[in-house]
Amino acid sequence: MGRGMCLNLVKKGCLDKPLLVYNRTQKRSEDFVAQVGSDHAKMCTSLHEGVGSCDITFSWLGLDSAVADIYESMAEGGDICGKLFIGIKIAKLMIDKGAEFVSGPAFGPSQVANSGTLIFATAGAKSSIDMLRP
């Protein structure tokens, strides 16, 4: 599902610079950048490179253990104050470090993500949700 979301961010997101992508399986990021072109996406070789370079970080992880590992690494790895994280779970950890957090569960299978018609149920501070608007 993450690939479809990224594809639609690149196609429809009105991005003024390449989308930074990171996947624990590096080949998936490489394949995505090859598909959309390096002018639309750039692969990050580490989680910290991506988080450090972005104001907004989206994450969709299936396993609770992966969520905990990734967010703990982001919280410990550098300055996240003022950055916005969109995903599920672990909000308190990020907020305690000065970041903003929007819960954003997505509804729909991969085909719906690919077509750009996922439904997101966002929740969080209004100012944080407003950061997501185009």
N, C-alpha and C. Protein backbone atom coordinates (compact mmCIF):
# COMPACT_ATOMS: atom_id res chain seq x y z
N MET A 1 0.83 -1.19 0.00
CA MET A 1 0.00 0.00 0.00
C MET A 1 0.87 1.25 0.00
N GLY A 2 2.02 1.24 0.67
CA GLY A 2 2.88 2.41 0.73
C GLY A 2 3.36 2.87 -0.64
N ARG A 3 3.63 1.91 -1.52
CA ARG A 3 4.07 2.25 -2.87
C ARG A 3 2.99 3.05 -3.61
N GLY A 4 1.75 2.60 -3.50
CA GLY A 4 0.64 3.32 -4.15
C GLY A 4 0.47 4.72 -3.58
N MET A 5 0.61 4.85 -2.26
CA MET A 5 0.49 6.18 -1.65
C MET A 5 1.60 7.10 -2.14
N CYS A 6 2.82 6.58 -2.18
CA CYS A 6 3.94 7.39 -2.66
C CYS A 6 3.76 7.78 -4.12
N LEU A 7 3.30 6.85 -4.92
CA LEU A 7 3.07 7.12 -6.34
C LEU A 7 2.08 8.26 -6.51
N ASN A 8 1.02 8.24 -5.72
CA ASN A 8 0.02 9.31 -5.83
C ASN A 8 0.51 10.62 -5.24
N LEU A 9 1.36 10.60 -4.22
CA LEU A 9 1.97 11.84 -3.74
C LEU A 9 2.82 12.48 -4.84
N VAL A 10 3.58 11.64 -5.55
CA VAL A 10 4.41 12.14 -6.65
C VAL A 10 3.55 12.70 -7.77
N LYS A 11 2.49 11.97 -8.15
CA LYS A 11 1.65 12.38 -9.28
C LYS A 11 0.75 13.56 -8.96
N LYS A 12 0.18 13.59 -7.76
CA LYS A 12 -0.88 14.55 -7.46
C LYS A 12 -0.59 15.46 -6.28
N GLY A 13 0.58 15.34 -5.69
CA GLY A 13 0.86 16.04 -4.44
C GLY A 13 1.36 17.46 -4.56
N CYS A 14 1.51 17.98 -5.77
CA CYS A 14 2.02 19.35 -5.95
C CYS A 14 3.33 19.55 -5.19
N LEU A 15 4.23 18.59 -5.29
CA LEU A 15 5.50 18.65 -4.57
C LEU A 15 6.46 19.60 -5.28
N ASP A 16 7.16 20.42 -4.50
CA ASP A 16 8.11 21.35 -5.09
C ASP A 16 9.53 20.79 -5.10
N LYS A 17 9.70 19.57 -4.58
CA LYS A 17 10.99 18.88 -4.62
C LYS A 17 10.72 17.38 -4.59
N PRO A 18 11.72 16.57 -4.88
CA PRO A 18 11.50 15.12 -4.93
C PRO A 18 11.01 14.56 -3.59
N LEU A 19 10.15 13.56 -3.67
CA LEU A 19 9.68 12.84 -2.50
C LEU A 19 10.83 11.97 -2.00
N LEU A 20 11.13 12.05 -0.72
CA LEU A 20 12.17 11.21 -0.14
C LEU A 20 11.53 9.92 0.35
N VAL A 21 12.09 8.79 -0.05
CA VAL A 21 11.52 7.49 0.32
C VAL A 21 12.56 6.65 1.04
N TYR A 22 12.08 5.92 2.01
CA TYR A 22 12.94 4.98 2.75
C TYR A 22 12.14 3.71 2.99
N ASN A 23 12.80 2.59 2.79
CA ASN A 23 12.20 1.30 3.09
C ASN A 23 13.28 0.45 3.72
N ARG A 24 12.92 -0.31 4.74
CA ARG A 24 13.90 -1.19 5.37
C ARG A 24 14.47 -2.19 4.37
N THR A 25 13.71 -2.50 3.32
CA THR A 25 14.20 -3.31 2.20
C THR A 25 14.60 -2.34 1.10
N GLN A 26 15.90 -2.05 1.01
CA GLN A 26 16.41 -0.99 0.13
C GLN A 26 15.97 -1.16 -1.32
N LYS A 27 15.89 -2.37 -1.80
CA LYS A 27 15.51 -2.62 -3.20
C LYS A 27 14.14 -2.03 -3.52
N ARG A 28 13.23 -2.03 -2.57
CA ARG A 28 11.91 -1.46 -2.82
C ARG A 28 12.01 0.04 -3.08
N SER A 29 12.85 0.73 -2.33
CA SER A 29 13.05 2.16 -2.58
C SER A 29 13.72 2.38 -3.93
N GLU A 30 14.74 1.58 -4.23
CA GLU A 30 15.43 1.69 -5.52
C GLU A 30 14.46 1.50 -6.68
N ASP A 31 13.61 0.48 -6.58
CA ASP A 31 12.64 0.20 -7.64
C ASP A 31 11.65 1.35 -7.81
N PHE A 32 11.22 1.93 -6.70
CA PHE A 32 10.27 3.04 -6.77
C PHE A 32 10.90 4.25 -7.45
N VAL A 33 12.11 4.62 -7.07
CA VAL A 33 12.80 5.76 -7.68
C VAL A 33 13.02 5.50 -9.17
N ALA A 34 13.38 4.27 -9.53
CA ALA A 34 13.55 3.93 -10.95
C ALA A 34 12.23 4.08 -11.70
N GLN A 35 11.12 3.73 -11.07
CA GLN A 35 9.81 3.81 -11.72
C GLN A 35 9.40 5.26 -11.98
N VAL A 36 9.56 6.14 -10.99
CA VAL A 36 9.05 7.51 -11.13
C VAL A 36 10.10 8.50 -11.61
N GLY A 37 11.37 8.13 -11.52
CA GLY A 37 12.44 9.01 -11.96
C GLY A 37 13.02 9.82 -10.81
N SER A 38 14.32 10.07 -10.90
CA SER A 38 15.01 10.75 -9.80
C SER A 38 14.63 12.21 -9.66
N ASP A 39 13.95 12.79 -10.65
CA ASP A 39 13.47 14.16 -10.49
C ASP A 39 12.19 14.20 -9.65
N HIS A 40 11.56 13.04 -9.42
CA HIS A 40 10.32 12.97 -8.64
C HIS A 40 10.50 12.31 -7.28
N ALA A 41 11.53 11.48 -7.13
CA ALA A 41 11.75 10.78 -5.86
C ALA A 41 13.23 10.54 -5.65
N LYS A 42 13.63 10.54 -4.39
CA LYS A 42 15.01 10.27 -4.03
C LYS A 42 15.01 9.24 -2.91
N MET A 43 15.87 8.26 -3.02
CA MET A 43 15.96 7.22 -2.01
C MET A 43 16.85 7.69 -0.86
N CYS A 44 16.39 7.51 0.35
CA CYS A 44 17.21 7.76 1.53
C CYS A 44 17.85 6.44 1.93
N THR A 45 19.12 6.47 2.26
CA THR A 45 19.82 5.24 2.63
C THR A 45 19.65 4.90 4.10
N SER A 46 19.10 5.84 4.86
CA SER A 46 18.83 5.56 6.27
C SER A 46 17.56 6.29 6.70
N LEU A 47 16.96 5.78 7.72
CA LEU A 47 15.78 6.42 8.30
C LEU A 47 16.11 7.84 8.75
N HIS A 48 17.26 8.01 9.38
CA HIS A 48 17.63 9.33 9.91
C HIS A 48 17.87 10.35 8.80
N GLU A 49 18.38 9.90 7.67
CA GLU A 49 18.55 10.81 6.53
C GLU A 49 17.19 11.35 6.09
N GLY A 50 16.22 10.48 6.00
CA GLY A 50 14.88 10.90 5.58
C GLY A 50 14.23 11.82 6.58
N VAL A 51 14.20 11.43 7.84
CA VAL A 51 13.55 12.24 8.87
C VAL A 51 14.26 13.58 9.02
N GLY A 52 15.59 13.57 8.96
CA GLY A 52 16.34 14.81 9.11
C GLY A 52 16.13 15.79 7.98
N SER A 53 15.76 15.29 6.81
CA SER A 53 15.59 16.14 5.62
C SER A 53 14.16 16.56 5.36
N CYS A 54 13.21 16.01 6.10
CA CYS A 54 11.79 16.25 5.82
C CYS A 54 11.10 16.98 6.97
N ASP A 55 10.12 17.78 6.61
CA ASP A 55 9.27 18.41 7.62
C ASP A 55 8.11 17.50 7.99
N ILE A 56 7.67 16.67 7.04
CA ILE A 56 6.53 15.78 7.25
C ILE A 56 6.97 14.35 6.92
N THR A 57 6.69 13.42 7.82
CA THR A 57 7.06 12.02 7.63
C THR A 57 5.81 11.16 7.71
N PHE A 58 5.54 10.40 6.64
CA PHE A 58 4.45 9.43 6.62
C PHE A 58 5.03 8.06 6.93
N SER A 59 4.31 7.26 7.68
CA SER A 59 4.74 5.88 7.91
C SER A 59 3.52 4.98 7.98
N TRP A 60 3.64 3.85 7.30
CA TRP A 60 2.62 2.81 7.38
C TRP A 60 3.35 1.50 7.54
N LEU A 61 3.28 0.96 8.73
CA LEU A 61 3.99 -0.27 9.07
C LEU A 61 2.98 -1.27 9.62
N GLY A 62 3.11 -2.51 9.20
CA GLY A 62 2.12 -3.50 9.57
C GLY A 62 2.31 -4.13 10.94
N LEU A 63 3.52 -4.28 11.39
CA LEU A 63 3.78 -4.98 12.64
C LEU A 63 4.03 -4.00 13.78
N ASP A 64 3.43 -4.26 14.93
CA ASP A 64 3.65 -3.39 16.08
C ASP A 64 5.13 -3.29 16.43
N SER A 65 5.87 -4.39 16.31
CA SER A 65 7.29 -4.36 16.63
C SER A 65 8.05 -3.44 15.67
N ALA A 66 7.66 -3.43 14.40
CA ALA A 66 8.31 -2.53 13.43
C ALA A 66 7.98 -1.08 13.75
N VAL A 67 6.74 -0.81 14.12
CA VAL A 67 6.34 0.55 14.49
C VAL A 67 7.19 1.03 15.66
N ALA A 68 7.28 0.22 16.70
CA ALA A 68 8.05 0.61 17.88
C ALA A 68 9.52 0.83 17.52
N ASP A 69 10.12 -0.07 16.76
CA ASP A 69 11.53 0.07 16.39
C ASP A 69 11.78 1.34 15.59
N ILE A 70 10.95 1.60 14.60
CA ILE A 70 11.15 2.75 13.72
C ILE A 70 10.96 4.06 14.50
N TYR A 71 9.88 4.17 15.25
CA TYR A 71 9.63 5.43 15.97
C TYR A 71 10.63 5.67 17.09
N GLU A 72 11.04 4.63 17.79
CA GLU A 72 12.07 4.81 18.82
C GLU A 72 13.37 5.28 18.18
N SER A 73 13.71 4.73 17.04
CA SER A 73 14.91 5.15 16.33
C SER A 73 14.82 6.61 15.89
N MET A 74 13.66 7.02 15.37
CA MET A 74 13.48 8.41 14.95
C MET A 74 13.56 9.35 16.15
N ALA A 75 12.95 8.97 17.26
CA ALA A 75 12.92 9.84 18.44
C ALA A 75 14.31 10.00 19.05
N GLU A 76 15.14 8.97 18.96
CA GLU A 76 16.47 9.01 19.55
C GLU A 76 17.53 9.52 18.59
N GLY A 77 17.22 9.57 17.30
CA GLY A 77 18.24 9.80 16.30
C GLY A 77 18.56 11.24 15.95
N GLY A 78 17.86 12.20 16.48
CA GLY A 78 18.16 13.58 16.12
C GLY A 78 17.04 14.51 16.52
N ASP A 79 17.13 15.73 16.05
CA ASP A 79 16.15 16.76 16.40
C ASP A 79 14.88 16.56 15.58
N ILE A 80 13.79 16.26 16.26
CA ILE A 80 12.51 16.11 15.58
C ILE A 80 11.53 17.21 16.00
N CYS A 81 12.01 18.16 16.77
CA CYS A 81 11.15 19.25 17.25
C CYS A 81 10.55 20.00 16.06
N GLY A 82 9.24 20.16 16.06
CA GLY A 82 8.55 20.89 15.00
C GLY A 82 8.25 20.08 13.76
N LYS A 83 8.73 18.85 13.68
CA LYS A 83 8.43 18.00 12.53
C LYS A 83 7.07 17.34 12.74
N LEU A 84 6.43 16.99 11.64
CA LEU A 84 5.10 16.38 11.69
C LEU A 84 5.20 14.93 11.24
N PHE A 85 4.65 14.02 12.04
CA PHE A 85 4.64 12.60 11.72
C PHE A 85 3.20 12.15 11.52
N ILE A 86 2.96 11.41 10.45
CA ILE A 86 1.64 10.90 10.15
C ILE A 86 1.73 9.38 10.14
N GLY A 87 0.89 8.74 10.87
CA GLY A 87 0.91 7.29 10.92
C GLY A 87 -0.02 6.81 12.00
N ILE A 88 0.33 5.70 12.58
CA ILE A 88 -0.49 5.15 13.65
C ILE A 88 0.40 4.82 14.83
N LYS A 89 -0.17 4.87 16.01
CA LYS A 89 0.50 4.45 17.24
C LYS A 89 1.68 5.34 17.62
N ILE A 90 2.22 5.15 18.75
CA ILE A 90 3.45 5.76 19.25
C ILE A 90 3.41 7.29 19.29
N ALA A 91 2.26 7.91 19.26
CA ALA A 91 2.17 9.37 19.23
C ALA A 91 2.85 10.01 20.44
N LYS A 92 2.63 9.49 21.62
CA LYS A 92 3.17 10.11 22.83
C LYS A 92 4.69 10.20 22.77
N LEU A 93 5.35 9.17 22.29
CA LEU A 93 6.80 9.16 22.18
C LEU A 93 7.28 10.34 21.33
N MET A 94 6.63 10.59 20.20
CA MET A 94 7.06 11.65 19.30
C MET A 94 6.71 13.03 19.87
N ILE A 95 5.53 13.16 20.44
CA ILE A 95 5.11 14.45 21.00
C ILE A 95 6.01 14.83 22.17
N ASP A 96 6.39 13.87 23.00
CA ASP A 96 7.28 14.15 24.12
C ASP A 96 8.64 14.67 23.67
N LYS A 97 9.02 14.38 22.44
CA LYS A 97 10.30 14.85 21.88
C LYS A 97 10.14 16.16 21.11
N GLY A 98 8.92 16.74 21.13
CA GLY A 98 8.71 18.04 20.50
C GLY A 98 8.15 17.99 19.09
N ALA A 99 7.87 16.80 18.58
CA ALA A 99 7.31 16.68 17.24
C ALA A 99 5.80 16.83 17.31
N GLU A 100 5.18 16.98 16.16
CA GLU A 100 3.73 16.97 16.05
C GLU A 100 3.34 15.62 15.46
N PHE A 101 2.10 15.21 15.70
CA PHE A 101 1.69 13.89 15.26
C PHE A 101 0.25 13.91 14.79
N VAL A 102 0.00 13.30 13.65
CA VAL A 102 -1.35 13.12 13.14
C VAL A 102 -1.55 11.62 12.95
N SER A 103 -2.58 11.09 13.58
CA SER A 103 -2.93 9.70 13.34
C SER A 103 -3.64 9.65 11.99
N GLY A 104 -3.26 8.71 11.17
CA GLY A 104 -3.83 8.68 9.83
C GLY A 104 -4.06 7.29 9.30
N PRO A 105 -4.90 6.48 9.96
CA PRO A 105 -5.16 5.18 9.37
C PRO A 105 -5.81 5.31 8.00
N ALA A 106 -5.38 4.43 7.10
CA ALA A 106 -5.89 4.45 5.73
C ALA A 106 -6.76 3.22 5.51
N PHE A 107 -7.83 3.39 4.74
CA PHE A 107 -8.76 2.31 4.47
C PHE A 107 -8.79 2.00 2.98
N GLY A 108 -8.51 0.76 2.65
CA GLY A 108 -8.56 0.31 1.27
C GLY A 108 -7.38 -0.58 0.95
N PRO A 109 -7.54 -1.49 -0.01
CA PRO A 109 -6.44 -2.37 -0.41
C PRO A 109 -5.45 -1.64 -1.33
N SER A 110 -4.41 -2.35 -1.71
CA SER A 110 -3.36 -1.76 -2.56
C SER A 110 -3.91 -1.16 -3.84
N GLN A 111 -4.90 -1.79 -4.44
CA GLN A 111 -5.47 -1.27 -5.69
C GLN A 111 -6.08 0.11 -5.47
N VAL A 112 -6.69 0.32 -4.33
CA VAL A 112 -7.29 1.61 -4.01
C VAL A 112 -6.19 2.64 -3.77
N ALA A 113 -5.10 2.24 -3.11
CA ALA A 113 -3.97 3.14 -2.93
C ALA A 113 -3.38 3.53 -4.28
N ASN A 114 -3.23 2.56 -5.17
CA ASN A 114 -2.68 2.84 -6.50
C ASN A 114 -3.54 3.80 -7.29
N SER A 115 -4.85 3.73 -7.11
CA SER A 115 -5.75 4.61 -7.86
C SER A 115 -5.90 5.98 -7.22
N GLY A 116 -5.33 6.16 -6.03
CA GLY A 116 -5.41 7.46 -5.36
C GLY A 116 -6.74 7.72 -4.68
N THR A 117 -7.44 6.66 -4.31
CA THR A 117 -8.77 6.84 -3.71
C THR A 117 -8.87 6.25 -2.31
N LEU A 118 -7.74 6.13 -1.60
CA LEU A 118 -7.78 5.68 -0.21
C LEU A 118 -8.57 6.68 0.63
N ILE A 119 -9.16 6.19 1.67
CA ILE A 119 -9.84 7.05 2.63
C ILE A 119 -8.96 7.13 3.87
N PHE A 120 -8.63 8.36 4.30
CA PHE A 120 -7.83 8.57 5.50
C PHE A 120 -8.71 9.13 6.60
N ALA A 121 -8.57 8.59 7.79
CA ALA A 121 -9.28 9.11 8.96
C ALA A 121 -8.24 9.80 9.83
N THR A 122 -8.01 11.09 9.57
CA THR A 122 -6.98 11.82 10.30
C THR A 122 -7.51 12.33 11.62
N ALA A 123 -6.64 12.34 12.61
CA ALA A 123 -6.97 12.87 13.92
C ALA A 123 -5.72 13.50 14.51
N GLY A 124 -5.89 14.63 15.14
CA GLY A 124 -4.77 15.34 15.75
C GLY A 124 -5.13 16.79 15.91
N ALA A 125 -4.15 17.56 16.34
CA ALA A 125 -4.37 19.00 16.50
C ALA A 125 -4.70 19.62 15.14
N LYS A 126 -5.62 20.57 15.12
CA LYS A 126 -6.02 21.22 13.87
C LYS A 126 -4.82 21.81 13.15
N SER A 127 -3.91 22.44 13.89
CA SER A 127 -2.73 23.05 13.26
C SER A 127 -1.86 21.99 12.58
N SER A 128 -1.79 20.81 13.14
CA SER A 128 -1.01 19.72 12.53
C SER A 128 -1.70 19.20 11.28
N ILE A 129 -2.99 19.00 11.34
CA ILE A 129 -3.74 18.53 10.17
C ILE A 129 -3.68 19.56 9.06
N ASP A 130 -3.73 20.85 9.40
CA ASP A 130 -3.65 21.91 8.39
C ASP A 130 -2.33 21.86 7.63
N MET A 131 -1.25 21.37 8.26
CA MET A 131 0.04 21.25 7.58
C MET A 131 -0.04 20.27 6.42
N LEU A 132 -0.99 19.36 6.44
CA LEU A 132 -1.13 18.36 5.38
C LEU A 132 -1.85 18.86 4.15
N ARG A 133 -2.58 19.93 4.30
CA ARG A 133 -3.39 20.42 3.18
C ARG A 133 -2.50 21.03 2.10
N PRO A 134 -2.90 20.81 0.82
CA PRO A 134 -2.10 21.39 -0.28
C PRO A 134 -2.16 22.90 -0.27
